[in-house]
Amino acid sequence: MMHKRQLLLFIAILMFCLQISAQTVGVKTNILYDATTTPNIGVELGFGKRSSVQLFYGLNPWKFGDNKKLRHWSLMPEYRYWLCSPMSGHFFGIHALGGEFNAGGVKLPFGAFPELRDHRYEGWYVGGGLTYGYSWILGKHWNVEAAVGVGYIHADYDKFECKECGKKVKEGVRNYVGPTKAAVNLVYVF
């Protein structure tokens, strides 16, 4: 737990130590993440002529009916290199991600974790990858951006007999290579 706090503090200090100027700060939400009932917020800070850093946080504290839940929190810092200027046009990035989860009784898209329908999993994950995206300027203060990322995730978990209760069936580790990010962000630029 202490390592997580230290990492969050380091990222916060790094982001606020960068020189900030007008038109290079954005607050955003990922509409795709919102669709999973996960409130989220991101902050992006532009610096230099073609660079920015962003930090996204999402939290899903909800339990659904019929013992279904997809509870988790997620943190995703990212460095972006823009081909034009920060928050406009094409960009490439390097992202990291991490968080914790407690999920069961749900069907995830693309056949990911098929046993999640009949079991409950608790654990944590960490990973990273590469990002490509594009940001469209809609007006003086509004942008829409789309981004996809591929990379690696390491997850450490406990598996339980049923969705809500039951004894622990096993402890496991899963290493994943594939899509690690999908975003359609609504951005307010200051």
N, C-alpha and C. Protein backbone atom coordinates (compact mmCIF):
# COMPACT_ATOMS: atom_id res chain seq x y z
N MET A 1 0.83 -1.19 0.00
CA MET A 1 0.00 0.00 0.00
C MET A 1 0.88 1.26 0.00
N MET A 2 2.00 1.21 0.73
CA MET A 2 2.88 2.36 0.79
C MET A 2 3.50 2.66 -0.57
N HIS A 3 3.83 1.62 -1.34
CA HIS A 3 4.42 1.83 -2.66
C HIS A 3 3.44 2.55 -3.58
N LYS A 4 2.15 2.24 -3.48
CA LYS A 4 1.14 2.89 -4.31
C LYS A 4 1.07 4.38 -3.99
N ARG A 5 1.10 4.71 -2.71
CA ARG A 5 1.05 6.12 -2.30
C ARG A 5 2.29 6.86 -2.78
N GLN A 6 3.44 6.23 -2.68
CA GLN A 6 4.67 6.86 -3.13
C GLN A 6 4.64 7.09 -4.64
N LEU A 7 4.14 6.12 -5.39
CA LEU A 7 4.03 6.27 -6.85
C LEU A 7 3.08 7.41 -7.20
N LEU A 8 1.92 7.47 -6.55
CA LEU A 8 0.96 8.54 -6.81
C LEU A 8 1.56 9.90 -6.49
N LEU A 9 2.26 10.01 -5.38
CA LEU A 9 2.89 11.27 -4.99
C LEU A 9 3.95 11.67 -6.01
N PHE A 10 4.78 10.72 -6.45
CA PHE A 10 5.81 11.01 -7.45
C PHE A 10 5.19 11.53 -8.75
N ILE A 11 4.14 10.88 -9.22
CA ILE A 11 3.48 11.29 -10.47
C ILE A 11 2.87 12.68 -10.32
N ALA A 12 2.22 12.94 -9.17
CA ALA A 12 1.62 14.25 -8.94
C ALA A 12 2.68 15.34 -8.92
N ILE A 13 3.80 15.10 -8.24
CA ILE A 13 4.87 16.09 -8.18
C ILE A 13 5.45 16.33 -9.57
N LEU A 14 5.67 15.27 -10.33
CA LEU A 14 6.20 15.40 -11.68
C LEU A 14 5.29 16.25 -12.55
N MET A 15 3.99 15.99 -12.48
CA MET A 15 3.05 16.71 -13.34
C MET A 15 2.97 18.19 -12.97
N PHE A 16 3.04 18.52 -11.69
CA PHE A 16 2.88 19.91 -11.29
C PHE A 16 4.20 20.68 -11.32
N CYS A 17 5.32 19.99 -11.46
CA CYS A 17 6.60 20.68 -11.58
C CYS A 17 6.87 21.14 -13.01
N LEU A 18 6.14 20.60 -13.96
CA LEU A 18 6.34 20.99 -15.35
C LEU A 18 5.83 22.41 -15.57
N GLN A 19 6.45 23.14 -16.46
CA GLN A 19 6.01 24.48 -16.76
C GLN A 19 4.66 24.41 -17.47
N ILE A 20 3.69 25.14 -16.94
CA ILE A 20 2.34 25.14 -17.49
C ILE A 20 2.10 26.49 -18.13
N SER A 21 1.55 26.50 -19.33
CA SER A 21 1.17 27.75 -19.96
C SER A 21 -0.24 27.62 -20.51
N ALA A 22 -0.84 28.75 -20.84
CA ALA A 22 -2.21 28.76 -21.34
C ALA A 22 -2.33 27.88 -22.57
N GLN A 23 -3.48 27.28 -22.75
CA GLN A 23 -3.81 26.43 -23.89
C GLN A 23 -3.07 25.09 -23.88
N THR A 24 -2.42 24.72 -22.79
CA THR A 24 -1.76 23.43 -22.75
C THR A 24 -2.20 22.59 -21.55
N VAL A 25 -3.33 22.92 -20.97
CA VAL A 25 -3.89 22.13 -19.87
C VAL A 25 -5.27 21.68 -20.28
N GLY A 26 -5.53 20.38 -20.15
CA GLY A 26 -6.84 19.85 -20.49
C GLY A 26 -7.35 18.92 -19.40
N VAL A 27 -8.66 18.96 -19.20
CA VAL A 27 -9.34 18.03 -18.31
C VAL A 27 -10.25 17.20 -19.19
N LYS A 28 -10.28 15.88 -18.95
CA LYS A 28 -10.98 15.01 -19.88
C LYS A 28 -11.66 13.85 -19.19
N THR A 29 -12.57 13.21 -19.92
CA THR A 29 -13.19 11.97 -19.49
C THR A 29 -13.23 11.03 -20.68
N ASN A 30 -13.02 9.75 -20.43
CA ASN A 30 -13.07 8.72 -21.46
C ASN A 30 -14.51 8.21 -21.55
N ILE A 31 -15.17 8.51 -22.64
CA ILE A 31 -16.58 8.14 -22.82
C ILE A 31 -16.75 6.63 -22.86
N LEU A 32 -15.79 5.90 -23.41
CA LEU A 32 -15.88 4.44 -23.43
C LEU A 32 -15.80 3.87 -22.02
N TYR A 33 -14.95 4.44 -21.20
CA TYR A 33 -14.83 4.00 -19.81
C TYR A 33 -16.10 4.35 -19.03
N ASP A 34 -16.67 5.54 -19.32
CA ASP A 34 -17.95 5.92 -18.71
C ASP A 34 -19.04 4.90 -19.02
N ALA A 35 -19.01 4.34 -20.23
CA ALA A 35 -20.02 3.37 -20.66
C ALA A 35 -19.97 2.08 -19.84
N THR A 36 -18.85 1.81 -19.17
CA THR A 36 -18.75 0.63 -18.30
C THR A 36 -19.17 0.98 -16.87
N THR A 37 -19.85 2.10 -16.70
CA THR A 37 -20.28 2.64 -15.40
C THR A 37 -19.09 2.97 -14.50
N THR A 38 -17.98 3.36 -15.12
CA THR A 38 -16.79 3.72 -14.36
C THR A 38 -16.53 5.21 -14.51
N PRO A 39 -16.86 6.00 -13.48
CA PRO A 39 -16.51 7.42 -13.53
C PRO A 39 -14.99 7.57 -13.63
N ASN A 40 -14.55 8.51 -14.45
CA ASN A 40 -13.12 8.69 -14.65
C ASN A 40 -12.81 10.14 -14.95
N ILE A 41 -11.60 10.52 -14.68
CA ILE A 41 -11.15 11.88 -14.98
C ILE A 41 -9.68 11.82 -15.36
N GLY A 42 -9.31 12.68 -16.28
CA GLY A 42 -7.92 12.76 -16.70
C GLY A 42 -7.48 14.21 -16.76
N VAL A 43 -6.20 14.43 -16.56
CA VAL A 43 -5.60 15.76 -16.68
C VAL A 43 -4.41 15.61 -17.60
N GLU A 44 -4.31 16.53 -18.56
CA GLU A 44 -3.16 16.51 -19.48
C GLU A 44 -2.48 17.87 -19.42
N LEU A 45 -1.15 17.83 -19.33
CA LEU A 45 -0.35 19.05 -19.28
C LEU A 45 0.64 19.04 -20.43
N GLY A 46 0.54 20.05 -21.29
CA GLY A 46 1.48 20.18 -22.40
C GLY A 46 2.73 20.91 -21.95
N PHE A 47 3.87 20.51 -22.49
CA PHE A 47 5.12 21.21 -22.21
C PHE A 47 6.00 21.09 -23.42
N GLY A 48 6.83 22.07 -23.61
CA GLY A 48 7.67 22.09 -24.80
C GLY A 48 6.81 22.29 -26.04
N LYS A 49 7.41 22.07 -27.19
CA LYS A 49 6.68 22.29 -28.44
C LYS A 49 5.83 21.10 -28.85
N ARG A 50 6.18 19.87 -28.41
CA ARG A 50 5.47 18.69 -28.90
C ARG A 50 5.23 17.63 -27.85
N SER A 51 5.31 17.95 -26.59
CA SER A 51 5.17 16.93 -25.55
C SER A 51 4.05 17.25 -24.58
N SER A 52 3.49 16.20 -24.01
CA SER A 52 2.52 16.36 -22.93
C SER A 52 2.57 15.10 -22.07
N VAL A 53 2.05 15.24 -20.85
CA VAL A 53 1.85 14.10 -19.96
C VAL A 53 0.40 14.14 -19.52
N GLN A 54 -0.14 12.96 -19.33
CA GLN A 54 -1.51 12.89 -18.84
C GLN A 54 -1.59 11.85 -17.75
N LEU A 55 -2.57 12.02 -16.88
CA LEU A 55 -2.83 11.07 -15.81
C LEU A 55 -4.33 10.84 -15.76
N PHE A 56 -4.74 9.58 -15.90
CA PHE A 56 -6.15 9.20 -15.84
C PHE A 56 -6.40 8.37 -14.60
N TYR A 57 -7.55 8.58 -13.98
CA TYR A 57 -7.97 7.78 -12.82
C TYR A 57 -9.42 7.37 -13.04
N GLY A 58 -9.71 6.09 -12.83
CA GLY A 58 -11.08 5.59 -12.92
C GLY A 58 -11.41 4.75 -11.69
N LEU A 59 -12.65 4.83 -11.24
CA LEU A 59 -13.09 4.09 -10.07
C LEU A 59 -14.49 3.56 -10.32
N ASN A 60 -14.65 2.25 -10.19
CA ASN A 60 -15.96 1.62 -10.31
C ASN A 60 -16.28 0.94 -8.98
N PRO A 61 -17.06 1.61 -8.10
CA PRO A 61 -17.36 1.04 -6.79
C PRO A 61 -18.68 0.27 -6.74
N TRP A 62 -19.37 0.12 -7.86
CA TRP A 62 -20.74 -0.37 -7.88
C TRP A 62 -20.85 -1.89 -7.81
N LYS A 63 -21.94 -2.33 -7.19
CA LYS A 63 -22.39 -3.72 -7.28
C LYS A 63 -23.68 -3.69 -8.07
N PHE A 64 -23.86 -4.64 -8.96
CA PHE A 64 -25.07 -4.71 -9.78
C PHE A 64 -25.97 -5.80 -9.24
N GLY A 65 -27.19 -5.89 -9.74
CA GLY A 65 -28.11 -6.93 -9.31
C GLY A 65 -27.59 -8.32 -9.68
N ASP A 66 -28.17 -9.33 -9.08
CA ASP A 66 -27.85 -10.73 -9.36
C ASP A 66 -26.37 -11.04 -9.06
N ASN A 67 -25.82 -10.42 -8.02
CA ASN A 67 -24.44 -10.65 -7.58
C ASN A 67 -23.38 -10.33 -8.64
N LYS A 68 -23.68 -9.45 -9.57
CA LYS A 68 -22.70 -9.05 -10.57
C LYS A 68 -21.94 -7.83 -10.07
N LYS A 69 -20.64 -7.85 -10.30
CA LYS A 69 -19.85 -6.68 -9.96
C LYS A 69 -18.60 -6.63 -10.81
N LEU A 70 -18.17 -5.42 -11.07
CA LEU A 70 -16.95 -5.15 -11.82
C LEU A 70 -16.20 -4.03 -11.10
N ARG A 71 -16.04 -4.20 -9.80
CA ARG A 71 -15.43 -3.17 -8.96
C ARG A 71 -13.94 -3.12 -9.23
N HIS A 72 -13.44 -1.90 -9.41
CA HIS A 72 -12.01 -1.72 -9.64
C HIS A 72 -11.63 -0.25 -9.54
N TRP A 73 -10.36 -0.02 -9.39
CA TRP A 73 -9.81 1.32 -9.61
C TRP A 73 -8.62 1.16 -10.54
N SER A 74 -8.36 2.21 -11.30
CA SER A 74 -7.30 2.15 -12.30
C SER A 74 -6.60 3.51 -12.40
N LEU A 75 -5.30 3.47 -12.57
CA LEU A 75 -4.50 4.67 -12.75
C LEU A 75 -3.65 4.47 -14.00
N MET A 76 -3.64 5.47 -14.90
CA MET A 76 -2.89 5.34 -16.15
C MET A 76 -2.15 6.64 -16.47
N PRO A 77 -0.86 6.71 -16.15
CA PRO A 77 -0.06 7.85 -16.60
C PRO A 77 0.44 7.60 -18.03
N GLU A 78 0.69 8.69 -18.75
CA GLU A 78 1.14 8.56 -20.14
C GLU A 78 1.97 9.76 -20.56
N TYR A 79 3.04 9.50 -21.30
CA TYR A 79 3.80 10.54 -21.98
C TYR A 79 3.37 10.52 -23.44
N ARG A 80 3.14 11.71 -24.02
CA ARG A 80 2.73 11.81 -25.42
C ARG A 80 3.67 12.71 -26.22
N TYR A 81 3.97 12.27 -27.43
CA TYR A 81 4.73 13.08 -28.38
C TYR A 81 3.78 13.43 -29.52
N TRP A 82 3.56 14.72 -29.73
CA TRP A 82 2.61 15.22 -30.73
C TRP A 82 3.36 15.59 -32.01
N LEU A 83 2.79 15.24 -33.17
CA LEU A 83 3.43 15.57 -34.44
C LEU A 83 3.30 17.05 -34.78
N CYS A 84 2.26 17.72 -34.27
CA CYS A 84 2.11 19.17 -34.48
C CYS A 84 2.40 19.91 -33.19
N SER A 85 1.37 20.08 -32.37
CA SER A 85 1.54 20.73 -31.07
C SER A 85 0.65 20.00 -30.07
N PRO A 86 0.95 20.13 -28.78
CA PRO A 86 0.15 19.40 -27.78
C PRO A 86 -1.35 19.64 -27.92
N MET A 87 -2.10 18.56 -27.86
CA MET A 87 -3.57 18.54 -27.89
C MET A 87 -4.15 18.92 -29.24
N SER A 88 -3.40 18.61 -30.32
CA SER A 88 -3.88 18.89 -31.67
C SER A 88 -3.25 17.91 -32.66
N GLY A 89 -4.08 17.12 -33.34
CA GLY A 89 -3.57 16.23 -34.37
C GLY A 89 -3.11 14.87 -33.86
N HIS A 90 -2.16 14.29 -34.58
CA HIS A 90 -1.65 12.94 -34.28
C HIS A 90 -0.69 12.96 -33.09
N PHE A 91 -0.69 11.86 -32.32
CA PHE A 91 0.29 11.69 -31.26
C PHE A 91 0.65 10.22 -31.07
N PHE A 92 1.82 10.00 -30.51
CA PHE A 92 2.28 8.69 -30.09
C PHE A 92 2.61 8.79 -28.61
N GLY A 93 2.40 7.71 -27.89
CA GLY A 93 2.64 7.78 -26.46
C GLY A 93 3.16 6.48 -25.88
N ILE A 94 3.62 6.60 -24.64
CA ILE A 94 4.03 5.46 -23.82
C ILE A 94 3.19 5.56 -22.55
N HIS A 95 2.43 4.50 -22.26
CA HIS A 95 1.58 4.54 -21.07
C HIS A 95 1.93 3.41 -20.11
N ALA A 96 1.60 3.65 -18.86
CA ALA A 96 1.68 2.64 -17.82
C ALA A 96 0.28 2.52 -17.24
N LEU A 97 0.00 1.42 -16.57
CA LEU A 97 -1.31 1.27 -15.95
C LEU A 97 -1.21 0.34 -14.77
N GLY A 98 -2.12 0.53 -13.84
CA GLY A 98 -2.14 -0.32 -12.67
C GLY A 98 -3.43 -0.11 -11.90
N GLY A 99 -3.75 -1.06 -11.04
CA GLY A 99 -4.94 -0.94 -10.23
C GLY A 99 -5.27 -2.23 -9.51
N GLU A 100 -6.47 -2.25 -8.94
CA GLU A 100 -6.97 -3.42 -8.22
C GLU A 100 -8.37 -3.73 -8.72
N PHE A 101 -8.80 -4.99 -8.55
CA PHE A 101 -10.13 -5.39 -9.01
C PHE A 101 -10.76 -6.41 -8.07
N ASN A 102 -12.09 -6.45 -8.11
CA ASN A 102 -12.91 -7.42 -7.40
C ASN A 102 -14.13 -7.61 -8.29
N ALA A 103 -14.15 -8.67 -9.09
CA ALA A 103 -15.18 -8.81 -10.12
C ALA A 103 -15.71 -10.23 -10.18
N GLY A 104 -16.98 -10.34 -10.55
CA GLY A 104 -17.60 -11.65 -10.72
C GLY A 104 -18.97 -11.56 -11.32
N GLY A 105 -19.38 -12.62 -12.01
CA GLY A 105 -20.72 -12.70 -12.58
C GLY A 105 -20.94 -11.85 -13.81
N VAL A 106 -19.88 -11.44 -14.49
CA VAL A 106 -20.01 -10.57 -15.66
C VAL A 106 -19.35 -11.21 -16.88
N LYS A 107 -19.83 -10.80 -18.04
CA LYS A 107 -19.26 -11.25 -19.31
C LYS A 107 -18.51 -10.08 -19.92
N LEU A 108 -17.22 -10.26 -20.11
CA LEU A 108 -16.41 -9.20 -20.70
C LEU A 108 -16.36 -9.36 -22.22
N PRO A 109 -16.18 -8.25 -22.95
CA PRO A 109 -16.12 -8.35 -24.40
C PRO A 109 -14.89 -9.11 -24.89
N PHE A 110 -14.97 -9.59 -26.11
CA PHE A 110 -13.88 -10.28 -26.80
C PHE A 110 -13.46 -11.57 -26.12
N GLY A 111 -14.33 -12.14 -25.29
CA GLY A 111 -14.03 -13.41 -24.64
C GLY A 111 -12.96 -13.33 -23.57
N ALA A 112 -12.66 -12.12 -23.10
CA ALA A 112 -11.64 -11.96 -22.06
C ALA A 112 -12.15 -12.54 -20.74
N PHE A 113 -11.33 -13.30 -20.06
CA PHE A 113 -11.66 -13.91 -18.77
C PHE A 113 -13.03 -14.58 -18.78
N PRO A 114 -13.25 -15.64 -19.58
CA PRO A 114 -14.57 -16.27 -19.66
C PRO A 114 -15.04 -16.87 -18.34
N GLU A 115 -14.12 -17.25 -17.45
CA GLU A 115 -14.53 -17.81 -16.16
C GLU A 115 -15.08 -16.76 -15.21
N LEU A 116 -15.02 -15.49 -15.59
CA LEU A 116 -15.54 -14.41 -14.75
C LEU A 116 -17.06 -14.50 -14.61
N ARG A 117 -17.72 -15.18 -15.51
CA ARG A 117 -19.18 -15.35 -15.41
C ARG A 117 -19.58 -16.16 -14.18
N ASP A 118 -18.81 -17.20 -13.86
CA ASP A 118 -19.19 -18.14 -12.80
C ASP A 118 -18.30 -18.09 -11.57
N HIS A 119 -17.31 -17.22 -11.56
CA HIS A 119 -16.39 -17.12 -10.43
C HIS A 119 -16.16 -15.65 -10.09
N ARG A 120 -15.57 -15.44 -8.93
CA ARG A 120 -15.19 -14.09 -8.52
C ARG A 120 -13.67 -14.05 -8.43
N TYR A 121 -13.10 -12.94 -8.89
CA TYR A 121 -11.66 -12.74 -8.88
C TYR A 121 -11.34 -11.45 -8.12
N GLU A 122 -10.32 -11.51 -7.28
CA GLU A 122 -9.80 -10.34 -6.59
C GLU A 122 -8.31 -10.28 -6.86
N GLY A 123 -7.79 -9.07 -7.06
CA GLY A 123 -6.35 -8.98 -7.26
C GLY A 123 -5.91 -7.60 -7.70
N TRP A 124 -4.72 -7.55 -8.27
CA TRP A 124 -4.13 -6.31 -8.75
C TRP A 124 -3.46 -6.56 -10.09
N TYR A 125 -3.17 -5.48 -10.80
CA TYR A 125 -2.50 -5.59 -12.09
C TYR A 125 -1.60 -4.38 -12.32
N VAL A 126 -0.62 -4.58 -13.18
CA VAL A 126 0.30 -3.52 -13.57
C VAL A 126 0.78 -3.83 -14.99
N GLY A 127 1.06 -2.79 -15.75
CA GLY A 127 1.52 -3.02 -17.11
C GLY A 127 1.87 -1.72 -17.81
N GLY A 128 2.01 -1.82 -19.12
CA GLY A 128 2.34 -0.65 -19.91
C GLY A 128 2.29 -0.98 -21.38
N GLY A 129 2.41 0.06 -22.19
CA GLY A 129 2.36 -0.16 -23.62
C GLY A 129 2.59 1.10 -24.42
N LEU A 130 2.31 0.99 -25.71
CA LEU A 130 2.46 2.09 -26.67
C LEU A 130 1.08 2.54 -27.13
N THR A 131 0.96 3.84 -27.39
CA THR A 131 -0.31 4.44 -27.75
C THR A 131 -0.19 5.18 -29.08
N TYR A 132 -1.27 5.15 -29.85
CA TYR A 132 -1.43 6.05 -31.01
C TYR A 132 -2.78 6.72 -30.87
N GLY A 133 -2.85 8.00 -31.21
CA GLY A 133 -4.13 8.69 -31.14
C GLY A 133 -4.17 9.93 -32.00
N TYR A 134 -5.35 10.54 -32.01
CA TYR A 134 -5.59 11.76 -32.77
C TYR A 134 -6.56 12.63 -31.99
N SER A 135 -6.32 13.95 -31.98
CA SER A 135 -7.19 14.89 -31.29
C SER A 135 -7.77 15.88 -32.29
N TRP A 136 -9.10 15.99 -32.31
CA TRP A 136 -9.81 16.92 -33.17
C TRP A 136 -10.22 18.14 -32.35
N ILE A 137 -9.91 19.33 -32.85
CA ILE A 137 -10.30 20.56 -32.18
C ILE A 137 -11.73 20.89 -32.61
N LEU A 138 -12.64 20.98 -31.64
CA LEU A 138 -14.03 21.29 -31.92
C LEU A 138 -14.33 22.78 -31.78
N GLY A 139 -13.60 23.44 -30.94
CA GLY A 139 -13.81 24.87 -30.68
C GLY A 139 -12.67 25.38 -29.83
N LYS A 140 -12.84 26.61 -29.31
CA LYS A 140 -11.77 27.24 -28.54
C LYS A 140 -11.37 26.40 -27.32
N HIS A 141 -12.34 25.78 -26.66
CA HIS A 141 -12.04 25.04 -25.43
C HIS A 141 -12.35 23.54 -25.50
N TRP A 142 -12.87 23.04 -26.61
CA TRP A 142 -13.32 21.64 -26.65
C TRP A 142 -12.59 20.84 -27.71
N ASN A 143 -12.17 19.65 -27.34
CA ASN A 143 -11.56 18.68 -28.26
C ASN A 143 -12.22 17.32 -28.05
N VAL A 144 -12.11 16.48 -29.06
CA VAL A 144 -12.43 15.06 -28.94
C VAL A 144 -11.19 14.33 -29.42
N GLU A 145 -10.78 13.33 -28.66
CA GLU A 145 -9.62 12.55 -29.09
C GLU A 145 -9.93 11.07 -29.01
N ALA A 146 -9.30 10.34 -29.89
CA ALA A 146 -9.41 8.88 -29.90
C ALA A 146 -8.01 8.31 -29.76
N ALA A 147 -7.89 7.22 -28.99
CA ALA A 147 -6.58 6.61 -28.78
C ALA A 147 -6.72 5.11 -28.59
N VAL A 148 -5.74 4.38 -29.07
CA VAL A 148 -5.67 2.93 -28.84
C VAL A 148 -4.25 2.62 -28.39
N GLY A 149 -4.13 1.55 -27.60
CA GLY A 149 -2.82 1.16 -27.12
C GLY A 149 -2.68 -0.34 -27.06
N VAL A 150 -1.47 -0.80 -27.25
CA VAL A 150 -1.15 -2.22 -27.11
C VAL A 150 0.04 -2.34 -26.17
N GLY A 151 0.07 -3.45 -25.45
CA GLY A 151 1.17 -3.63 -24.51
C GLY A 151 1.04 -4.89 -23.71
N TYR A 152 1.52 -4.84 -22.47
CA TYR A 152 1.63 -5.98 -21.59
C TYR A 152 0.99 -5.67 -20.25
N ILE A 153 0.28 -6.66 -19.67
CA ILE A 153 -0.29 -6.54 -18.33
C ILE A 153 0.05 -7.80 -17.54
N HIS A 154 0.50 -7.60 -16.31
CA HIS A 154 0.74 -8.69 -15.36
C HIS A 154 -0.34 -8.57 -14.28
N ALA A 155 -1.10 -9.62 -14.06
CA ALA A 155 -2.16 -9.63 -13.04
C ALA A 155 -1.91 -10.75 -12.04
N ASP A 156 -2.10 -10.44 -10.78
CA ASP A 156 -1.97 -11.40 -9.69
C ASP A 156 -3.35 -11.46 -9.03
N TYR A 157 -3.93 -12.66 -8.90
CA TYR A 157 -5.32 -12.74 -8.46
C TYR A 157 -5.59 -13.95 -7.57
N ASP A 158 -6.71 -13.87 -6.86
CA ASP A 158 -7.29 -14.99 -6.13
C ASP A 158 -8.62 -15.31 -6.80
N LYS A 159 -8.91 -16.59 -7.00
CA LYS A 159 -10.14 -17.04 -7.64
C LYS A 159 -11.01 -17.70 -6.58
N PHE A 160 -12.31 -17.35 -6.57
CA PHE A 160 -13.25 -17.87 -5.59
C PHE A 160 -14.34 -18.66 -6.28
N GLU A 161 -14.97 -19.58 -5.53
CA GLU A 161 -15.97 -20.50 -6.08
C GLU A 161 -17.15 -19.81 -6.75
N CYS A 162 -17.71 -18.83 -6.11
CA CYS A 162 -18.90 -18.19 -6.69
C CYS A 162 -18.69 -16.70 -6.77
N LYS A 163 -19.69 -16.02 -7.30
CA LYS A 163 -19.57 -14.59 -7.57
C LYS A 163 -19.37 -13.77 -6.31
N GLU A 164 -20.08 -14.11 -5.22
CA GLU A 164 -20.03 -13.27 -4.04
C GLU A 164 -19.36 -13.93 -2.84
N CYS A 165 -19.55 -15.23 -2.69
CA CYS A 165 -19.03 -15.91 -1.51
C CYS A 165 -18.21 -17.12 -1.94
N GLY A 166 -17.97 -18.01 -1.02
CA GLY A 166 -17.27 -19.23 -1.36
C GLY A 166 -15.82 -19.20 -0.97
N LYS A 167 -15.24 -20.37 -0.95
CA LYS A 167 -13.83 -20.47 -0.57
C LYS A 167 -12.93 -20.19 -1.76
N LYS A 168 -11.69 -19.83 -1.43
CA LYS A 168 -10.70 -19.57 -2.46
C LYS A 168 -10.37 -20.88 -3.17
N VAL A 169 -10.46 -20.87 -4.48
CA VAL A 169 -10.17 -22.04 -5.30
C VAL A 169 -8.69 -22.10 -5.65
N LYS A 170 -8.13 -20.93 -6.00
CA LYS A 170 -6.71 -20.90 -6.35
C LYS A 170 -6.18 -19.48 -6.32
N GLU A 171 -4.88 -19.40 -6.29
CA GLU A 171 -4.16 -18.15 -6.48
C GLU A 171 -3.49 -18.26 -7.84
N GLY A 172 -3.49 -17.17 -8.58
CA GLY A 172 -2.91 -17.27 -9.90
C GLY A 172 -2.26 -15.99 -10.38
N VAL A 173 -1.57 -16.12 -11.49
CA VAL A 173 -0.91 -15.02 -12.18
C VAL A 173 -1.28 -15.13 -13.64
N ARG A 174 -1.57 -14.01 -14.27
CA ARG A 174 -1.84 -14.02 -15.70
C ARG A 174 -1.01 -12.92 -16.35
N ASN A 175 -0.33 -13.27 -17.42
CA ASN A 175 0.42 -12.32 -18.22
C ASN A 175 -0.28 -12.20 -19.56
N TYR A 176 -0.51 -10.96 -19.96
CA TYR A 176 -1.33 -10.68 -21.13
C TYR A 176 -0.58 -9.74 -22.06
N VAL A 177 -0.64 -10.02 -23.36
CA VAL A 177 -0.10 -9.13 -24.38
C VAL A 177 -1.23 -8.89 -25.38
N GLY A 178 -1.53 -7.62 -25.64
CA GLY A 178 -2.61 -7.27 -26.55
C GLY A 178 -3.06 -5.85 -26.29
N PRO A 179 -4.32 -5.52 -26.65
CA PRO A 179 -4.84 -4.17 -26.41
C PRO A 179 -4.83 -3.84 -24.91
N THR A 180 -4.31 -2.68 -24.57
CA THR A 180 -4.28 -2.22 -23.19
C THR A 180 -4.99 -0.88 -23.01
N LYS A 181 -5.45 -0.30 -24.12
CA LYS A 181 -6.08 1.01 -24.03
C LYS A 181 -7.02 1.21 -25.20
N ALA A 182 -8.21 1.76 -24.90
CA ALA A 182 -9.16 2.21 -25.91
C ALA A 182 -9.85 3.43 -25.32
N ALA A 183 -9.77 4.55 -26.02
CA ALA A 183 -10.32 5.78 -25.45
C ALA A 183 -10.96 6.64 -26.53
N VAL A 184 -12.09 7.21 -26.18
CA VAL A 184 -12.70 8.32 -26.91
C VAL A 184 -12.93 9.37 -25.83
N ASN A 185 -12.06 10.36 -25.80
CA ASN A 185 -12.06 11.35 -24.72
C ASN A 185 -12.73 12.65 -25.14
N LEU A 186 -13.56 13.17 -24.26
CA LEU A 186 -14.10 14.52 -24.39
C LEU A 186 -13.19 15.40 -23.53
N VAL A 187 -12.60 16.43 -24.16
CA VAL A 187 -11.55 17.22 -23.51
C VAL A 187 -11.97 18.68 -23.42
N TYR A 188 -11.81 19.26 -22.23
CA TYR A 188 -11.96 20.71 -22.06
C TYR A 188 -10.56 21.28 -21.91
N VAL A 189 -10.17 22.18 -22.82
CA VAL A 189 -8.83 22.77 -22.83
C VAL A 189 -8.89 24.16 -22.23
N PHE A 190 -8.03 24.42 -21.25
CA PHE A 190 -7.98 25.75 -20.62
C PHE A 190 -7.10 26.68 -21.41
